[in-house]
Amino acid sequence: MGAYMPDAGARLEIVMNGEPSRTSATKWRARARGVAFIAAGGLVMSAASAQAQNASEESPALVQAAPPATLDSVDAAYDPLQGFNRGSFGLSMGLDRVVLRPITHGYMAVTPSPLRRRVSAVVYNLGEPSTTVNDILQGKPKRAGRSSARFLINSTIGVLGIWDVATGMGLKAHDADFGQTFGRYGVRPGPYLYVPVLGPSNFRDSVGRVLDFVTDPVGIVGGGSTTTFGASRLAAQTIDTRARADNAFRALDDATDPYVTARSAYGQYRAAFIREATREVQALPDFDDNIAADPVAPADPAAASPETTPAPSTTQ
């Protein structure tokens, strides 16, 4: 998801006439706003995917504790680009302090916790179709059926996802993304990579993140981030995720080496996320009709506190 460049026609018009036409200028501004939202959203969503599920639920010491010795956890510490990554980390955290933190704290100050939980539920619900796509690609028809049923039920009976009716019907929430799908089939994470503005990742998850964005069914139907719906969704997703990750960011402020803490948190979370997919294939085959329960599904996101709701499954 690199920086957006205007189309060739618009660039040529700017060079020749000194300024774009009203139509080109309006189109460029709309796209630029969408890209700005993507960049801001990517920062907190990628960081929170690791940090909110580790640092906000555990003490900083636990976040830095060594994970089980798996291939992914070993690869998580592989950081040959550390010079670049540290510079990118410093830039991203600086932008967070100047832009996202004040906005998020203002949102948390004026929005009661019950209302924030409803926003989280709506955001999470819009990510269910992307989860379904990855469930199918992972060869898990039961989980795909559950995630698609959750979306249909919560979008209708649950009023656009405001209420998580599906969990009360026994359809528990779970997450899946392309990074997990690649890991499911044995793709290694590769070197750690802190993408400027977009946050912590690795080579495998970076490719997965791009695919999550371009294949998101809701994003495709909604017209992308340049539409009013897409921009509003991404803005809400960004602020909601940053709010839920606030304790994690505070933990980073207190860490001896925030960069290493963030890298460790991300590596541990993603390694556990991949193990969830591979362990389920071994212990709970989707085609075994005698198995009725899924022991690895996470808790209901709508019932959790704002700081522990599962992060949305994709970056929109």
Protein backbone atom coordinates (compact mmCIF):
# COMPACT_ATOMS: atom_id res chain seq x y z
CA MET A 1 0.00 0.00 0.00
CA GLY A 2 2.40 2.65 -1.19
CA ALA A 3 1.74 6.33 -1.47
CA TYR A 4 -0.96 7.25 -3.96
CA MET A 5 0.17 8.91 -7.18
CA PRO A 6 -2.30 10.85 -9.36
CA ASP A 7 -3.09 9.25 -12.71
CA ALA A 8 -0.95 10.24 -15.69
CA GLY A 9 -3.63 12.50 -17.15
CA ALA A 10 -3.96 14.50 -13.97
CA ARG A 11 -0.17 14.82 -13.60
CA LEU A 12 0.17 16.03 -17.20
CA GLU A 13 -2.62 18.56 -16.74
CA ILE A 14 -0.95 19.96 -13.63
CA VAL A 15 2.38 20.35 -15.46
CA MET A 16 0.88 21.99 -18.54
CA ASN A 17 -1.69 24.29 -16.99
CA GLY A 18 -0.12 25.01 -13.63
CA GLU A 19 -3.16 23.66 -11.80
CA PRO A 20 -5.56 20.75 -12.25
CA SER A 21 -9.04 21.13 -13.60
CA ARG A 22 -11.86 21.30 -11.09
CA THR A 23 -12.82 17.70 -11.81
CA SER A 24 -9.25 16.41 -11.50
CA ALA A 25 -8.63 18.46 -8.39
CA THR A 26 -11.79 17.18 -6.73
CA LYS A 27 -10.94 13.59 -7.63
CA TRP A 28 -7.34 13.98 -6.41
CA ARG A 29 -8.42 15.52 -3.10
CA ALA A 30 -10.91 12.70 -2.51
CA ARG A 31 -8.26 10.08 -3.19
CA ALA A 32 -5.70 11.90 -1.08
CA ARG A 33 -8.11 11.95 1.85
CA GLY A 34 -8.63 8.23 1.42
CA VAL A 35 -4.90 7.56 1.40
CA ALA A 36 -4.44 9.73 4.49
CA PHE A 37 -7.03 7.64 6.29
CA ILE A 38 -5.32 4.43 5.11
CA ALA A 39 -1.96 5.59 6.43
CA ALA A 40 -3.37 6.69 9.77
CA GLY A 41 -5.45 3.56 10.12
CA GLY A 42 -2.60 1.28 9.24
CA LEU A 43 -0.44 2.75 12.00
CA VAL A 44 -2.70 1.80 14.86
CA MET A 45 -4.26 -1.30 13.37
CA SER A 46 -0.97 -2.98 12.69
CA ALA A 47 0.50 -1.93 16.02
CA ALA A 48 -2.62 -2.78 17.97
CA SER A 49 -2.89 -6.23 16.43
CA ALA A 50 0.10 -7.17 18.56
CA GLN A 51 0.20 -4.59 21.31
CA ALA A 52 -3.47 -4.40 22.27
CA GLN A 53 -3.67 -8.16 22.66
CA ASN A 54 -0.47 -8.32 24.71
CA ALA A 55 0.51 -5.14 26.51
CA SER A 56 -3.03 -4.02 27.34
CA GLU A 57 -3.81 -7.37 28.94
CA GLU A 58 -0.43 -8.07 30.52
CA SER A 59 2.25 -6.17 32.37
CA PRO A 60 5.20 -4.86 30.33
CA ALA A 61 7.36 -7.62 31.82
CA LEU A 62 5.01 -10.30 30.52
CA VAL A 63 4.95 -8.72 27.09
CA GLN A 64 8.71 -9.17 26.88
CA ALA A 65 8.69 -12.73 28.21
CA ALA A 66 10.05 -15.34 25.82
CA PRO A 67 7.34 -17.15 23.80
CA PRO A 68 7.36 -20.89 23.16
CA ALA A 69 10.19 -21.97 20.85
CA THR A 70 8.47 -22.25 17.48
CA LEU A 71 9.73 -21.41 14.00
CA ASP A 72 7.63 -18.25 13.92
CA SER A 73 8.76 -17.08 17.36
CA VAL A 74 12.40 -17.59 16.39
CA ASP A 75 11.87 -15.67 13.15
CA ALA A 76 10.17 -12.85 15.05
CA ALA A 77 13.53 -11.76 16.45
CA TYR A 78 15.18 -11.83 13.01
CA ASP A 79 15.71 -8.13 12.44
CA PRO A 80 18.45 -7.49 9.85
CA LEU A 81 16.89 -4.11 8.96
CA GLN A 82 16.98 -2.83 12.53
CA GLY A 83 18.52 0.54 11.61
CA PHE A 84 15.71 1.34 9.20
CA ASN A 85 13.09 -0.20 11.48
CA ARG A 86 14.12 1.88 14.49
CA GLY A 87 13.96 5.08 12.47
CA SER A 88 10.54 4.13 11.14
CA PHE A 89 9.38 3.25 14.66
CA GLY A 90 10.48 6.62 16.01
CA LEU A 91 8.72 8.46 13.20
CA SER A 92 5.51 6.50 13.67
CA MET A 93 5.44 6.99 17.43
CA GLY A 94 6.08 10.70 16.94
CA LEU A 95 3.11 10.95 14.58
CA ASP A 96 1.01 9.05 17.09
CA ARG A 97 1.88 11.51 19.88
CA VAL A 98 1.14 14.52 17.70
CA VAL A 99 -1.95 13.33 15.81
CA LEU A 100 -3.63 10.11 16.87
CA ARG A 101 -3.14 10.25 20.63
CA PRO A 102 -4.85 13.65 21.11
CA ILE A 103 -7.73 12.67 18.83
CA THR A 104 -8.16 9.31 20.54
CA HIS A 105 -8.02 10.73 24.06
CA GLY A 106 -10.61 13.32 23.09
CA TYR A 107 -12.85 10.57 21.73
CA MET A 108 -12.44 8.53 24.92
CA ALA A 109 -13.17 11.58 27.08
CA VAL A 110 -16.48 12.42 25.43
CA THR A 111 -17.71 8.89 24.56
CA PRO A 112 -19.01 6.61 27.35
CA SER A 113 -17.59 3.08 27.47
CA PRO A 114 -20.91 1.40 26.53
CA LEU A 115 -21.08 3.49 23.37
CA ARG A 116 -17.44 2.76 22.52
CA ARG A 117 -18.21 -0.96 22.82
CA ARG A 118 -21.02 -0.57 20.31
CA VAL A 119 -18.67 1.20 17.90
CA SER A 120 -16.17 -1.64 18.34
CA ALA A 121 -18.91 -4.17 17.61
CA VAL A 122 -19.87 -2.43 14.35
CA VAL A 123 -16.23 -2.16 13.26
CA TYR A 124 -15.62 -5.82 14.03
CA ASN A 125 -18.78 -6.91 12.21
CA LEU A 126 -17.66 -5.20 8.99
CA GLY A 127 -14.50 -7.33 9.07
CA GLU A 128 -16.36 -10.65 9.19
CA PRO A 129 -16.61 -11.10 5.37
CA SER A 130 -12.82 -10.81 5.08
CA THR A 131 -12.49 -13.43 7.82
CA THR A 132 -14.81 -15.68 5.81
CA VAL A 133 -12.62 -15.32 2.72
CA ASN A 134 -9.56 -16.48 4.65
CA ASP A 135 -11.46 -19.29 6.37
CA ILE A 136 -12.34 -20.63 2.93
CA LEU A 137 -8.78 -20.31 1.68
CA GLN A 138 -7.54 -22.15 4.77
CA GLY A 139 -9.87 -25.05 4.01
CA LYS A 140 -12.10 -24.51 7.05
CA PRO A 141 -15.71 -24.61 5.82
CA LYS A 142 -17.22 -24.76 9.30
CA ARG A 143 -15.43 -21.64 10.44
CA ALA A 144 -16.31 -19.93 7.15
CA GLY A 145 -19.96 -20.80 7.67
CA ARG A 146 -19.84 -19.47 11.20
CA SER A 147 -18.22 -16.16 10.28
CA SER A 148 -20.61 -15.59 7.36
CA ALA A 149 -23.61 -16.49 9.55
CA ARG A 150 -22.36 -14.08 12.21
CA PHE A 151 -22.21 -11.28 9.66
CA LEU A 152 -25.70 -11.94 8.32
CA ILE A 153 -27.27 -12.26 11.77
CA ASN A 154 -25.52 -9.31 13.38
CA SER A 155 -26.06 -7.07 10.34
CA THR A 156 -29.81 -7.72 10.42
CA ILE A 157 -31.10 -8.77 13.82
CA GLY A 158 -28.14 -7.06 15.48
CA VAL A 159 -28.88 -3.77 13.65
CA LEU A 160 -25.77 -3.34 11.48
CA GLY A 161 -23.62 -5.10 14.05
CA ILE A 162 -24.38 -2.83 16.99
CA TRP A 163 -25.43 -5.90 18.99
CA ASP A 164 -23.67 -9.25 18.80
CA VAL A 165 -26.72 -11.46 18.61
CA ALA A 166 -24.79 -14.29 16.94
CA THR A 167 -22.64 -15.07 19.97
CA GLY A 168 -25.77 -15.60 22.04
CA MET A 169 -26.82 -18.13 19.41
CA GLY A 170 -23.59 -20.09 19.89
CA LEU A 171 -21.68 -18.59 16.95
CA LYS A 172 -18.45 -17.43 18.58
CA ALA A 173 -16.21 -14.84 16.96
CA HIS A 174 -12.79 -15.58 15.51
CA ASP A 175 -10.26 -13.77 13.34
CA ALA A 176 -8.41 -14.75 10.17
CA ASP A 177 -6.29 -12.81 7.69
CA PHE A 178 -3.99 -13.49 4.75
CA GLY A 179 -0.90 -13.51 6.97
CA GLN A 180 -2.46 -16.35 8.93
CA THR A 181 -3.51 -18.06 5.71
CA PHE A 182 0.07 -18.00 4.43
CA GLY A 183 1.29 -19.31 7.79
CA ARG A 184 -1.33 -22.05 7.67
CA TYR A 185 0.42 -23.42 4.58
CA GLY A 186 3.92 -23.12 6.00
CA VAL A 187 5.08 -19.73 4.72
CA ARG A 188 7.71 -18.34 7.11
CA PRO A 189 7.43 -14.72 8.33
CA GLY A 190 10.80 -13.56 7.03
CA PRO A 191 12.60 -10.50 8.42
CA TYR A 192 10.87 -8.17 10.85
CA LEU A 193 9.78 -4.95 9.16
CA TYR A 194 8.47 -1.74 10.72
CA VAL A 195 6.76 -0.03 7.80
CA PRO A 196 6.80 3.79 8.04
CA VAL A 197 3.47 4.95 9.47
CA LEU A 198 1.84 1.54 8.90
CA GLY A 199 3.59 -0.12 11.83
CA PRO A 200 5.09 -3.51 12.80
CA SER A 201 5.00 -6.38 10.34
CA ASN A 202 7.22 -8.89 8.55
CA PHE A 203 7.61 -9.80 4.91
CA ARG A 204 4.86 -12.43 4.99
CA ASP A 205 2.35 -10.30 6.88
CA SER A 206 3.09 -7.22 4.74
CA VAL A 207 2.05 -9.10 1.61
CA GLY A 208 -0.93 -10.47 3.50
CA ARG A 209 -1.96 -7.00 4.62
CA VAL A 210 -2.04 -5.76 1.03
CA LEU A 211 -4.19 -8.73 0.01
CA ASP A 212 -6.50 -8.17 2.98
CA PHE A 213 -7.05 -4.62 1.77
CA VAL A 214 -7.64 -5.32 -1.91
CA THR A 215 -9.87 -8.39 -1.37
CA ASP A 216 -12.03 -7.07 1.47
CA PRO A 217 -15.63 -7.74 0.32
CA VAL A 218 -17.13 -4.84 2.29
CA GLY A 219 -14.51 -2.46 0.92
CA ILE A 220 -15.15 -3.62 -2.64
CA VAL A 221 -18.92 -3.28 -2.35
CA GLY A 222 -18.60 0.05 -0.50
CA GLY A 223 -16.44 1.56 -3.22
CA GLY A 224 -13.16 1.75 -1.35
CA SER A 225 -11.73 4.31 1.06
CA THR A 226 -12.34 7.26 -1.26
CA THR A 227 -16.11 7.03 -0.81
CA THR A 228 -17.93 8.63 2.10
CA PHE A 229 -18.73 5.20 3.53
CA GLY A 230 -15.19 3.91 3.10
CA ALA A 231 -13.53 6.97 4.60
CA SER A 232 -15.98 7.04 7.52
CA ARG A 233 -15.45 3.36 8.16
CA LEU A 234 -11.68 3.67 8.12
CA ALA A 235 -11.72 6.73 10.37
CA ALA A 236 -13.96 4.95 12.90
CA GLN A 237 -11.81 1.81 12.69
CA THR A 238 -8.63 3.80 13.24
CA ILE A 239 -9.87 5.71 16.28
CA ASP A 240 -11.57 2.66 17.79
CA THR A 241 -8.47 0.48 17.44
CA ARG A 242 -6.18 3.19 18.81
CA ALA A 243 -8.52 3.63 21.79
CA ARG A 244 -8.45 -0.10 22.55
CA ALA A 245 -4.67 -0.09 22.26
CA ASP A 246 -4.19 2.93 24.52
CA ASN A 247 -2.91 0.87 27.46
CA ALA A 248 -0.43 -0.80 25.12
CA PHE A 249 0.95 2.54 24.00
CA ARG A 250 1.25 3.64 27.63
CA ALA A 251 3.21 0.45 28.34
CA LEU A 252 5.56 1.33 25.48
CA ASP A 253 6.13 4.76 27.03
CA ASP A 254 7.32 3.05 30.23
CA ALA A 255 9.43 0.35 28.53
CA THR A 256 13.22 0.43 28.74
CA ASP A 257 13.43 -0.13 24.98
CA PRO A 258 10.01 0.54 23.41
CA TYR A 259 11.18 -0.71 20.01
CA VAL A 260 12.20 -4.14 21.32
CA THR A 261 9.01 -4.34 23.39
CA ALA A 262 6.83 -3.62 20.35
CA ARG A 263 8.79 -6.09 18.20
CA SER A 264 8.49 -8.82 20.84
CA ALA A 265 4.77 -8.19 21.31
CA TYR A 266 4.10 -8.33 17.59
CA GLY A 267 6.17 -11.48 17.13
CA GLN A 268 4.49 -13.29 20.03
CA TYR A 269 1.00 -12.34 18.91
CA ARG A 270 1.50 -13.33 15.28
CA ALA A 271 3.22 -16.60 16.21
CA ALA A 272 0.24 -17.46 18.44
CA PHE A 273 -2.15 -16.45 15.66
CA ILE A 274 -0.45 -18.79 13.19
CA ARG A 275 -0.38 -21.62 15.75
CA GLU A 276 -4.12 -21.18 16.18
CA ALA A 277 -4.62 -21.97 12.50
CA THR A 278 -2.23 -24.91 12.33
CA ARG A 279 -3.23 -26.39 15.68
CA GLU A 280 -6.90 -26.32 14.72
CA VAL A 281 -6.18 -28.28 11.54
CA GLN A 282 -4.49 -30.97 13.63
CA ALA A 283 -6.90 -31.08 16.58
CA LEU A 284 -10.20 -30.03 15.03
CA PRO A 285 -10.66 -31.04 11.36
CA ASP A 286 -13.48 -29.05 9.79
CA PHE A 287 -14.85 -32.13 8.05
CA ASP A 288 -15.37 -34.09 11.27
CA ASP A 289 -19.10 -33.73 11.95
CA ASN A 290 -18.69 -35.30 15.36
CA ILE A 291 -16.87 -32.25 16.68
CA ALA A 292 -19.31 -29.61 17.88
CA ALA A 293 -17.09 -27.06 19.63
CA ASP A 294 -14.22 -24.86 18.49
CA PRO A 295 -11.85 -24.42 21.48
CA VAL A 296 -9.65 -21.80 19.86
CA ALA A 297 -12.25 -19.17 19.02
CA PRO A 298 -11.74 -15.89 20.93
CA ALA A 299 -14.27 -14.24 23.19
CA ASP A 300 -17.17 -12.17 21.91
CA PRO A 301 -15.73 -8.82 20.80
CA ALA A 302 -18.86 -6.87 21.70
CA ALA A 303 -18.92 -8.23 25.24
CA ALA A 304 -15.28 -7.44 25.90
CA SER A 305 -14.05 -4.18 27.35
CA PRO A 306 -13.00 -1.46 24.89
CA GLU A 307 -9.36 -2.25 25.60
CA THR A 308 -9.59 -6.00 24.90
CA THR A 309 -11.96 -6.29 21.94
CA PRO A 310 -10.26 -8.28 19.15
CA ALA A 311 -8.75 -6.03 16.51
CA PRO A 312 -10.53 -5.95 13.17
CA SER A 313 -9.40 -8.66 10.87
CA THR A 314 -8.23 -6.38 8.07
CA THR A 315 -6.86 -2.99 7.28
CA GLN A 316 -9.30 -1.16 5.16
